[in-house]
Amino acid sequence: MLQKVIVDTSVLVASIDQSERHHEWVAQQLEQIEPPLLTCEAVVSETWFLLGRLRGAREAFLPYLEQGQLQVVFSLEPELTSVLTIMKRYESVPASLADAALVRMAELYPQSSVFTLDSDFQIYRKHRDIPVPLIFPSV
């Protein structure tokens, strides 16, 4: 079985924004990952918002969704209690809605890794005490 890869906003933005520090690293990783990347609505919303500052970036993002490279497979409503619990647990970080949803997705997809540039994911734990497996650049 292929490993599921859950993707964070930071990676999606860096994949499009060539001025992002890890743009090349992200591009190299994406070449090695079998689509689709999995995500949640909150990540799509954050990505859309952040790409709005770059001309043409939103248009470059649309094919991820339209061509199935990115699949929104998480619905907040049935997982709301779990996501809010994660947000409360990490309120000192703080964990955004998107981050908490991705941690919950990592719990629901036990063989998954979270593809991120966000160092907060090194703090987060699934099922309270298990490090979230990451695809993360070495400094």
N, C-alpha and C. Protein backbone atom coordinates (compact mmCIF):
# COMPACT_ATOMS: atom_id res chain seq x y z
N MET A 1 0.83 -1.18 0.00
CA MET A 1 0.00 0.00 0.00
C MET A 1 0.88 1.25 0.00
N LEU A 2 0.52 2.22 -0.83
CA LEU A 2 1.28 3.46 -0.89
C LEU A 2 0.99 4.31 0.35
N GLN A 3 2.03 4.99 0.80
CA GLN A 3 1.87 5.88 1.94
C GLN A 3 1.02 7.07 1.55
N LYS A 4 0.10 7.45 2.43
CA LYS A 4 -0.71 8.65 2.22
C LYS A 4 0.10 9.86 2.65
N VAL A 5 0.05 10.92 1.87
CA VAL A 5 0.75 12.15 2.21
C VAL A 5 -0.30 13.24 2.40
N ILE A 6 -0.27 13.81 3.60
CA ILE A 6 -1.17 14.89 3.98
C ILE A 6 -0.39 16.18 3.83
N VAL A 7 -0.95 17.16 3.14
CA VAL A 7 -0.18 18.36 2.80
C VAL A 7 -0.71 19.59 3.54
N ASP A 8 0.24 20.41 3.96
CA ASP A 8 -0.03 21.65 4.69
C ASP A 8 0.04 22.85 3.75
N THR A 9 -0.54 23.94 4.19
CA THR A 9 -0.54 25.20 3.45
C THR A 9 0.86 25.61 3.03
N SER A 10 1.81 25.51 3.93
CA SER A 10 3.17 25.99 3.67
C SER A 10 3.77 25.35 2.42
N VAL A 11 3.51 24.09 2.22
CA VAL A 11 4.04 23.36 1.07
C VAL A 11 3.34 23.80 -0.21
N LEU A 12 2.03 23.95 -0.15
CA LEU A 12 1.29 24.36 -1.34
C LEU A 12 1.72 25.75 -1.79
N VAL A 13 1.89 26.66 -0.85
CA VAL A 13 2.34 28.01 -1.21
C VAL A 13 3.75 27.96 -1.78
N ALA A 14 4.65 27.24 -1.12
CA ALA A 14 6.04 27.16 -1.59
C ALA A 14 6.15 26.47 -2.95
N SER A 15 5.23 25.58 -3.26
CA SER A 15 5.28 24.90 -4.56
C SER A 15 4.99 25.87 -5.71
N ILE A 16 4.30 26.93 -5.42
CA ILE A 16 3.92 27.92 -6.45
C ILE A 16 4.77 29.17 -6.39
N ASP A 17 5.10 29.62 -5.19
CA ASP A 17 5.86 30.86 -5.00
C ASP A 17 7.35 30.58 -5.09
N GLN A 18 7.95 30.93 -6.21
CA GLN A 18 9.36 30.65 -6.43
C GLN A 18 10.28 31.44 -5.51
N SER A 19 9.77 32.48 -4.86
CA SER A 19 10.60 33.25 -3.93
C SER A 19 10.64 32.61 -2.54
N GLU A 20 9.81 31.60 -2.32
CA GLU A 20 9.82 30.92 -1.02
C GLU A 20 11.15 30.18 -0.84
N ARG A 21 11.68 30.23 0.35
CA ARG A 21 12.99 29.66 0.68
C ARG A 21 13.13 28.19 0.29
N HIS A 22 12.07 27.43 0.48
CA HIS A 22 12.14 25.98 0.22
C HIS A 22 11.44 25.57 -1.07
N HIS A 23 11.27 26.51 -1.99
CA HIS A 23 10.57 26.20 -3.24
C HIS A 23 11.21 25.01 -3.97
N GLU A 24 12.50 25.02 -4.16
CA GLU A 24 13.18 23.94 -4.90
C GLU A 24 13.07 22.61 -4.16
N TRP A 25 13.24 22.63 -2.86
CA TRP A 25 13.14 21.40 -2.06
C TRP A 25 11.73 20.81 -2.19
N VAL A 26 10.73 21.67 -2.08
CA VAL A 26 9.34 21.21 -2.22
C VAL A 26 9.13 20.61 -3.61
N ALA A 27 9.61 21.26 -4.64
CA ALA A 27 9.45 20.75 -6.00
C ALA A 27 10.09 19.36 -6.13
N GLN A 28 11.27 19.18 -5.55
CA GLN A 28 11.94 17.87 -5.59
C GLN A 28 11.13 16.80 -4.87
N GLN A 29 10.57 17.15 -3.72
CA GLN A 29 9.77 16.19 -2.97
C GLN A 29 8.50 15.82 -3.74
N LEU A 30 7.87 16.81 -4.35
CA LEU A 30 6.63 16.56 -5.09
C LEU A 30 6.86 15.60 -6.26
N GLU A 31 8.04 15.65 -6.85
CA GLU A 31 8.37 14.73 -7.94
C GLU A 31 8.40 13.28 -7.47
N GLN A 32 8.68 13.07 -6.18
CA GLN A 32 8.83 11.73 -5.63
C GLN A 32 7.55 11.19 -4.98
N ILE A 33 6.55 12.04 -4.82
CA ILE A 33 5.33 11.65 -4.14
C ILE A 33 4.25 11.31 -5.16
N GLU A 34 3.64 10.17 -4.96
CA GLU A 34 2.54 9.73 -5.82
C GLU A 34 1.26 10.47 -5.43
N PRO A 35 0.66 11.21 -6.37
CA PRO A 35 -0.60 11.89 -6.06
C PRO A 35 -1.71 10.85 -5.81
N PRO A 36 -2.75 11.24 -5.15
CA PRO A 36 -3.07 12.60 -4.71
C PRO A 36 -2.50 12.91 -3.34
N LEU A 37 -2.26 14.20 -3.10
CA LEU A 37 -1.96 14.69 -1.77
C LEU A 37 -3.31 14.88 -1.08
N LEU A 38 -3.36 14.59 0.20
CA LEU A 38 -4.61 14.72 0.95
C LEU A 38 -4.57 15.99 1.81
N THR A 39 -5.72 16.62 1.97
CA THR A 39 -5.78 17.82 2.79
C THR A 39 -7.19 18.06 3.28
N CYS A 40 -7.38 19.25 3.88
CA CYS A 40 -8.67 19.65 4.43
C CYS A 40 -9.06 21.01 3.87
N GLU A 41 -10.33 21.38 4.07
CA GLU A 41 -10.81 22.66 3.55
C GLU A 41 -10.03 23.84 4.12
N ALA A 42 -9.66 23.77 5.39
CA ALA A 42 -8.95 24.89 6.02
C ALA A 42 -7.62 25.17 5.32
N VAL A 43 -6.93 24.14 4.88
CA VAL A 43 -5.67 24.32 4.15
C VAL A 43 -5.93 24.95 2.79
N VAL A 44 -6.96 24.51 2.11
CA VAL A 44 -7.29 25.10 0.81
C VAL A 44 -7.61 26.58 0.99
N SER A 45 -8.37 26.91 2.02
CA SER A 45 -8.73 28.31 2.29
C SER A 45 -7.50 29.16 2.61
N GLU A 46 -6.64 28.66 3.49
CA GLU A 46 -5.41 29.39 3.82
C GLU A 46 -4.53 29.59 2.59
N THR A 47 -4.39 28.55 1.81
CA THR A 47 -3.56 28.62 0.61
C THR A 47 -4.11 29.65 -0.36
N TRP A 48 -5.39 29.61 -0.61
CA TRP A 48 -6.03 30.56 -1.53
C TRP A 48 -5.79 31.99 -1.05
N PHE A 49 -5.96 32.22 0.25
CA PHE A 49 -5.75 33.55 0.81
C PHE A 49 -4.30 34.01 0.61
N LEU A 50 -3.35 33.17 0.99
CA LEU A 50 -1.94 33.55 0.91
C LEU A 50 -1.46 33.74 -0.53
N LEU A 51 -1.99 32.96 -1.45
CA LEU A 51 -1.59 33.11 -2.85
C LEU A 51 -2.16 34.37 -3.48
N GLY A 52 -3.13 34.98 -2.85
CA GLY A 52 -3.73 36.19 -3.39
C GLY A 52 -2.76 37.35 -3.51
N ARG A 53 -1.65 37.29 -2.80
CA ARG A 53 -0.67 38.38 -2.86
C ARG A 53 0.26 38.26 -4.07
N LEU A 54 0.19 37.16 -4.78
CA LEU A 54 1.07 36.93 -5.93
C LEU A 54 0.25 36.86 -7.22
N ARG A 55 0.64 37.64 -8.18
CA ARG A 55 -0.09 37.64 -9.44
C ARG A 55 0.02 36.27 -10.12
N GLY A 56 -1.12 35.74 -10.49
CA GLY A 56 -1.19 34.47 -11.20
C GLY A 56 -1.08 33.24 -10.33
N ALA A 57 -0.83 33.42 -9.05
CA ALA A 57 -0.60 32.26 -8.18
C ALA A 57 -1.87 31.45 -7.94
N ARG A 58 -2.99 32.12 -7.78
CA ARG A 58 -4.24 31.38 -7.58
C ARG A 58 -4.57 30.55 -8.80
N GLU A 59 -4.33 31.10 -9.98
CA GLU A 59 -4.58 30.35 -11.20
C GLU A 59 -3.66 29.13 -11.30
N ALA A 60 -2.45 29.26 -10.78
CA ALA A 60 -1.51 28.13 -10.78
C ALA A 60 -1.93 27.06 -9.77
N PHE A 61 -2.68 27.46 -8.75
CA PHE A 61 -3.13 26.52 -7.71
C PHE A 61 -4.34 25.70 -8.16
N LEU A 62 -5.20 26.28 -8.96
CA LEU A 62 -6.45 25.61 -9.35
C LEU A 62 -6.25 24.21 -9.94
N PRO A 63 -5.24 23.99 -10.81
CA PRO A 63 -5.06 22.62 -11.35
C PRO A 63 -4.81 21.56 -10.28
N TYR A 64 -4.23 21.94 -9.15
CA TYR A 64 -4.06 20.96 -8.06
C TYR A 64 -5.40 20.33 -7.71
N LEU A 65 -6.43 21.18 -7.65
CA LEU A 65 -7.76 20.70 -7.29
C LEU A 65 -8.49 20.10 -8.49
N GLU A 66 -8.43 20.79 -9.61
CA GLU A 66 -9.19 20.37 -10.80
C GLU A 66 -8.69 19.06 -11.38
N GLN A 67 -7.41 18.80 -11.28
CA GLN A 67 -6.82 17.60 -11.88
C GLN A 67 -6.61 16.47 -10.87
N GLY A 68 -7.06 16.68 -9.64
CA GLY A 68 -7.00 15.62 -8.64
C GLY A 68 -5.67 15.39 -7.98
N GLN A 69 -4.72 16.32 -8.16
CA GLN A 69 -3.43 16.17 -7.47
C GLN A 69 -3.60 16.40 -5.97
N LEU A 70 -4.61 17.17 -5.62
CA LEU A 70 -4.92 17.50 -4.22
C LEU A 70 -6.36 17.10 -3.98
N GLN A 71 -6.57 16.30 -2.95
CA GLN A 71 -7.92 15.86 -2.63
C GLN A 71 -8.29 16.31 -1.22
N VAL A 72 -9.43 16.96 -1.12
CA VAL A 72 -9.96 17.36 0.18
C VAL A 72 -10.76 16.17 0.70
N VAL A 73 -10.18 15.46 1.66
CA VAL A 73 -10.79 14.21 2.13
C VAL A 73 -11.26 14.30 3.59
N PHE A 74 -11.11 15.46 4.18
CA PHE A 74 -11.44 15.64 5.59
C PHE A 74 -12.63 16.57 5.72
N SER A 75 -13.61 16.14 6.47
CA SER A 75 -14.77 16.98 6.76
C SER A 75 -14.73 17.35 8.25
N LEU A 76 -14.82 18.61 8.53
CA LEU A 76 -14.68 19.09 9.90
C LEU A 76 -15.84 18.66 10.80
N GLU A 77 -17.05 18.70 10.29
CA GLU A 77 -18.21 18.48 11.15
C GLU A 77 -18.14 17.20 11.98
N PRO A 78 -17.90 16.04 11.39
CA PRO A 78 -17.87 14.84 12.24
C PRO A 78 -16.63 14.76 13.13
N GLU A 79 -15.63 15.56 12.87
CA GLU A 79 -14.38 15.52 13.63
C GLU A 79 -14.19 16.76 14.52
N LEU A 80 -15.22 17.58 14.63
CA LEU A 80 -15.09 18.86 15.33
C LEU A 80 -14.61 18.71 16.77
N THR A 81 -15.16 17.79 17.51
CA THR A 81 -14.76 17.61 18.91
C THR A 81 -13.27 17.26 19.00
N SER A 82 -12.82 16.36 18.15
CA SER A 82 -11.40 15.97 18.16
C SER A 82 -10.50 17.13 17.77
N VAL A 83 -10.90 17.88 16.74
CA VAL A 83 -10.09 19.01 16.28
C VAL A 83 -10.02 20.09 17.36
N LEU A 84 -11.13 20.39 17.99
CA LEU A 84 -11.12 21.39 19.07
C LEU A 84 -10.27 20.94 20.24
N THR A 85 -10.28 19.65 20.53
CA THR A 85 -9.43 19.12 21.60
C THR A 85 -7.96 19.34 21.27
N ILE A 86 -7.58 19.09 20.03
CA ILE A 86 -6.19 19.30 19.59
C ILE A 86 -5.84 20.79 19.68
N MET A 87 -6.74 21.66 19.25
CA MET A 87 -6.49 23.10 19.31
C MET A 87 -6.29 23.55 20.75
N LYS A 88 -7.09 23.03 21.66
CA LYS A 88 -6.96 23.40 23.09
C LYS A 88 -5.65 22.86 23.66
N ARG A 89 -5.29 21.64 23.28
CA ARG A 89 -4.06 21.03 23.79
C ARG A 89 -2.84 21.87 23.40
N TYR A 90 -2.89 22.45 22.21
CA TYR A 90 -1.74 23.21 21.70
C TYR A 90 -2.03 24.70 21.61
N GLU A 91 -2.86 25.23 22.51
CA GLU A 91 -3.19 26.66 22.44
C GLU A 91 -1.99 27.55 22.71
N SER A 92 -0.97 27.04 23.38
CA SER A 92 0.23 27.85 23.61
C SER A 92 1.12 27.95 22.38
N VAL A 93 0.91 27.09 21.39
CA VAL A 93 1.75 27.11 20.18
C VAL A 93 1.44 28.35 19.33
N PRO A 94 0.27 28.72 18.98
CA PRO A 94 -1.02 28.02 19.01
C PRO A 94 -1.23 27.21 17.74
N ALA A 95 -2.10 26.22 17.85
CA ALA A 95 -2.46 25.40 16.69
C ALA A 95 -3.64 26.06 15.98
N SER A 96 -3.47 26.30 14.70
CA SER A 96 -4.58 26.84 13.90
C SER A 96 -5.58 25.73 13.63
N LEU A 97 -6.73 26.12 13.12
CA LEU A 97 -7.73 25.13 12.72
C LEU A 97 -7.14 24.18 11.69
N ALA A 98 -6.42 24.73 10.71
CA ALA A 98 -5.82 23.88 9.68
C ALA A 98 -4.82 22.90 10.29
N ASP A 99 -3.95 23.37 11.16
CA ASP A 99 -2.97 22.49 11.79
C ASP A 99 -3.65 21.38 12.58
N ALA A 100 -4.64 21.74 13.37
CA ALA A 100 -5.34 20.74 14.18
C ALA A 100 -6.06 19.72 13.29
N ALA A 101 -6.63 20.18 12.20
CA ALA A 101 -7.30 19.26 11.28
C ALA A 101 -6.29 18.30 10.66
N LEU A 102 -5.09 18.79 10.34
CA LEU A 102 -4.07 17.90 9.76
C LEU A 102 -3.57 16.88 10.78
N VAL A 103 -3.44 17.29 12.04
CA VAL A 103 -3.06 16.34 13.08
C VAL A 103 -4.14 15.27 13.20
N ARG A 104 -5.41 15.69 13.17
CA ARG A 104 -6.50 14.72 13.23
C ARG A 104 -6.47 13.79 12.02
N MET A 105 -6.18 14.34 10.85
CA MET A 105 -6.06 13.49 9.66
C MET A 105 -4.95 12.46 9.83
N ALA A 106 -3.84 12.87 10.43
CA ALA A 106 -2.73 11.94 10.67
C ALA A 106 -3.16 10.82 11.61
N GLU A 107 -4.08 11.12 12.52
CA GLU A 107 -4.62 10.07 13.39
C GLU A 107 -5.52 9.13 12.61
N LEU A 108 -6.30 9.68 11.70
CA LEU A 108 -7.25 8.87 10.93
C LEU A 108 -6.58 8.05 9.83
N TYR A 109 -5.42 8.51 9.36
CA TYR A 109 -4.65 7.79 8.34
C TYR A 109 -3.33 7.36 8.99
N PRO A 110 -3.33 6.21 9.68
CA PRO A 110 -2.17 5.82 10.49
C PRO A 110 -0.87 5.66 9.72
N GLN A 111 -0.92 5.35 8.43
CA GLN A 111 0.31 5.16 7.65
C GLN A 111 0.70 6.42 6.89
N SER A 112 0.22 7.56 7.33
CA SER A 112 0.46 8.81 6.60
C SER A 112 1.63 9.59 7.18
N SER A 113 2.09 10.55 6.36
CA SER A 113 3.05 11.57 6.80
C SER A 113 2.48 12.92 6.43
N VAL A 114 2.82 13.92 7.24
CA VAL A 114 2.41 15.29 6.94
C VAL A 114 3.57 15.99 6.25
N PHE A 115 3.31 16.52 5.08
CA PHE A 115 4.28 17.25 4.27
C PHE A 115 4.11 18.73 4.62
N THR A 116 5.11 19.29 5.29
CA THR A 116 4.98 20.66 5.80
C THR A 116 6.33 21.34 5.89
N LEU A 117 6.28 22.66 5.94
CA LEU A 117 7.46 23.48 6.24
C LEU A 117 7.30 24.14 7.60
N ASP A 118 6.20 23.87 8.27
CA ASP A 118 5.84 24.49 9.54
C ASP A 118 6.46 23.70 10.70
N SER A 119 7.40 24.31 11.40
CA SER A 119 8.10 23.63 12.48
C SER A 119 7.19 23.28 13.66
N ASP A 120 6.02 23.89 13.74
CA ASP A 120 5.08 23.54 14.82
C ASP A 120 4.70 22.06 14.76
N PHE A 121 4.75 21.47 13.59
CA PHE A 121 4.40 20.06 13.47
C PHE A 121 5.41 19.16 14.17
N GLN A 122 6.58 19.68 14.50
CA GLN A 122 7.54 18.90 15.28
C GLN A 122 7.11 18.82 16.75
N ILE A 123 6.22 19.72 17.14
CA ILE A 123 5.69 19.74 18.51
C ILE A 123 4.44 18.88 18.63
N TYR A 124 3.59 18.94 17.62
CA TYR A 124 2.30 18.26 17.68
C TYR A 124 2.47 16.74 17.79
N ARG A 125 1.51 16.14 18.47
CA ARG A 125 1.48 14.69 18.64
C ARG A 125 0.11 14.16 18.25
N LYS A 126 0.09 13.01 17.61
CA LYS A 126 -1.19 12.36 17.34
C LYS A 126 -1.46 11.40 18.48
N HIS A 127 -2.73 11.22 18.77
CA HIS A 127 -3.15 10.37 19.90
C HIS A 127 -2.41 10.77 21.19
N ARG A 128 -2.19 12.06 21.35
CA ARG A 128 -1.60 12.71 22.54
C ARG A 128 -0.09 12.54 22.69
N ASP A 129 0.49 11.41 22.23
CA ASP A 129 1.91 11.19 22.55
C ASP A 129 2.75 10.60 21.42
N ILE A 130 2.18 10.46 20.25
CA ILE A 130 2.92 9.88 19.13
C ILE A 130 3.34 10.99 18.17
N PRO A 131 4.63 11.16 17.93
CA PRO A 131 5.04 12.20 16.97
C PRO A 131 4.39 11.99 15.61
N VAL A 132 4.00 13.09 15.00
CA VAL A 132 3.41 13.03 13.67
C VAL A 132 4.54 12.79 12.67
N PRO A 133 4.47 11.73 11.89
CA PRO A 133 5.50 11.51 10.86
C PRO A 133 5.48 12.67 9.86
N LEU A 134 6.65 13.19 9.56
CA LEU A 134 6.74 14.39 8.73
C LEU A 134 7.61 14.17 7.50
N ILE A 135 7.27 14.90 6.47
CA ILE A 135 8.18 15.16 5.35
C ILE A 135 8.52 16.63 5.56
N PHE A 136 9.74 16.86 6.02
CA PHE A 136 10.14 18.18 6.52
C PHE A 136 11.60 18.41 6.15
N PRO A 137 11.94 19.61 5.70
CA PRO A 137 13.34 19.82 5.29
C PRO A 137 14.30 19.82 6.47
N SER A 138 15.48 19.25 6.25
CA SER A 138 16.53 19.40 7.26
C SER A 138 17.07 20.82 7.08
N VAL A 139 17.36 21.45 8.17
CA VAL A 139 17.78 22.85 8.14
C VAL A 139 19.01 22.98 7.31
